[in-house]
């Protein structure tokens, strides 16, 4: 049997002007099982001054995963950083 070649409509679930944030979001989404693509990451990485002109780096996922991925990104961006001050020093 062969798998049908189904075209996937990609949807932007987040935008950032920071290459590091884009990679971090991509890695977290991939770790959660999403299929993720970055758009305009190369141009922003090479010539950051053009980030505004291209609308930043777009984090895109297939349309079928968009709602869940957007919620994950929102939760990730709003997560509270907790420092454990009782962590034993080495």
Protein backbone atom coordinates (compact mmCIF):
# COMPACT_ATOMS: atom_id res chain seq x y z
CA UNK A 1 0.00 0.00 0.00
CA UNK A 2 1.06 3.55 -0.51
CA UNK A 3 0.22 6.67 1.40
CA UNK A 4 -1.81 9.27 -0.42
CA UNK A 5 0.02 12.49 -1.13
CA UNK A 6 -2.20 14.90 0.77
CA UNK A 7 -1.21 18.53 0.60
CA UNK A 8 -1.10 20.18 3.98
CA UNK A 9 -2.18 23.76 4.44
CA UNK A 10 0.26 25.38 6.87
CA UNK A 11 -1.00 27.90 9.40
CA UNK A 12 1.05 30.41 11.38
CA UNK A 13 0.54 29.81 15.10
CA UNK A 14 3.16 32.28 16.36
CA UNK A 15 5.48 35.01 15.16
CA UNK A 16 8.72 36.23 16.69
CA UNK A 17 11.59 38.52 15.76
CA UNK A 18 14.07 36.43 17.75
CA UNK A 19 15.80 33.44 16.10
CA UNK A 20 16.51 31.82 19.47
CA UNK A 21 12.86 32.04 20.53
CA UNK A 22 11.75 30.62 17.18
CA UNK A 23 14.08 27.63 17.53
CA UNK A 24 13.04 27.11 21.15
CA UNK A 25 9.34 27.14 20.21
CA UNK A 26 9.98 24.80 17.29
CA UNK A 27 11.90 22.36 19.49
CA UNK A 28 9.20 22.38 22.17
CA UNK A 29 6.43 21.85 19.61
CA UNK A 30 8.33 19.01 17.94
CA UNK A 31 8.90 17.41 21.37
CA UNK A 32 5.11 17.52 21.88
CA UNK A 33 4.59 15.71 18.57
CA UNK A 34 3.68 18.60 16.27
CA UNK A 35 4.93 18.89 12.70
CA UNK A 36 6.59 22.34 12.65
CA UNK A 37 8.06 24.58 9.97
CA UNK A 38 9.76 27.95 10.31
CA UNK A 39 9.30 30.62 7.65
CA UNK A 40 11.70 33.53 7.11
CA UNK A 41 14.07 32.27 9.81
CA UNK A 42 17.05 32.38 7.43
CA UNK A 43 16.54 35.98 6.33
CA UNK A 44 16.02 37.15 9.93
CA UNK A 45 19.04 35.15 11.11
CA UNK A 46 21.31 36.61 8.44
CA UNK A 47 19.97 40.17 8.33
CA UNK A 48 18.08 40.97 11.51
CA UNK A 49 17.31 44.48 10.26
CA UNK A 50 14.91 42.91 7.75
CA UNK A 51 12.88 41.14 10.46
CA UNK A 52 10.18 43.82 10.46
CA UNK A 53 10.04 43.95 6.68
CA UNK A 54 9.26 40.23 6.39
CA UNK A 55 6.99 40.16 9.44
CA UNK A 56 9.36 38.22 11.65
CA UNK A 57 9.84 34.48 11.84
CA UNK A 58 6.63 32.53 11.44
CA UNK A 59 6.11 29.26 13.30
CA UNK A 60 3.81 27.16 11.10
CA UNK A 61 2.02 23.87 11.60
CA UNK A 62 -0.50 21.91 9.49
CA UNK A 63 -4.00 23.37 9.73
CA UNK A 64 -5.27 20.26 11.52
CA UNK A 65 -2.84 20.89 14.40
CA UNK A 66 -3.12 24.69 14.51
CA UNK A 67 -5.52 25.19 17.42
CA UNK A 68 -3.71 22.79 19.71
CA UNK A 69 -0.27 24.14 18.73
CA UNK A 70 -1.36 27.77 19.23
CA UNK A 71 -2.64 26.89 22.71
CA UNK A 72 0.66 25.16 23.50
CA UNK A 73 2.64 28.22 22.37
CA UNK A 74 0.44 30.53 24.44
CA UNK A 75 0.86 28.35 27.53
CA UNK A 76 4.61 28.06 26.92
CA UNK A 77 5.04 31.83 26.56
CA UNK A 78 2.95 32.48 29.69
CA UNK A 79 4.60 29.81 31.83
CA UNK A 80 5.87 30.97 35.17
CA UNK A 81 9.54 30.39 35.86
CA UNK A 82 9.98 28.83 39.27
CA UNK A 83 13.36 28.89 40.95
CA UNK A 84 13.99 26.21 43.54
CA UNK A 85 16.00 28.01 46.18
CA UNK A 86 16.31 24.82 48.20
CA UNK A 87 18.25 23.10 45.43
CA UNK A 88 21.42 21.65 46.99
CA UNK A 89 24.65 23.07 45.65
CA UNK A 90 27.25 20.68 44.26
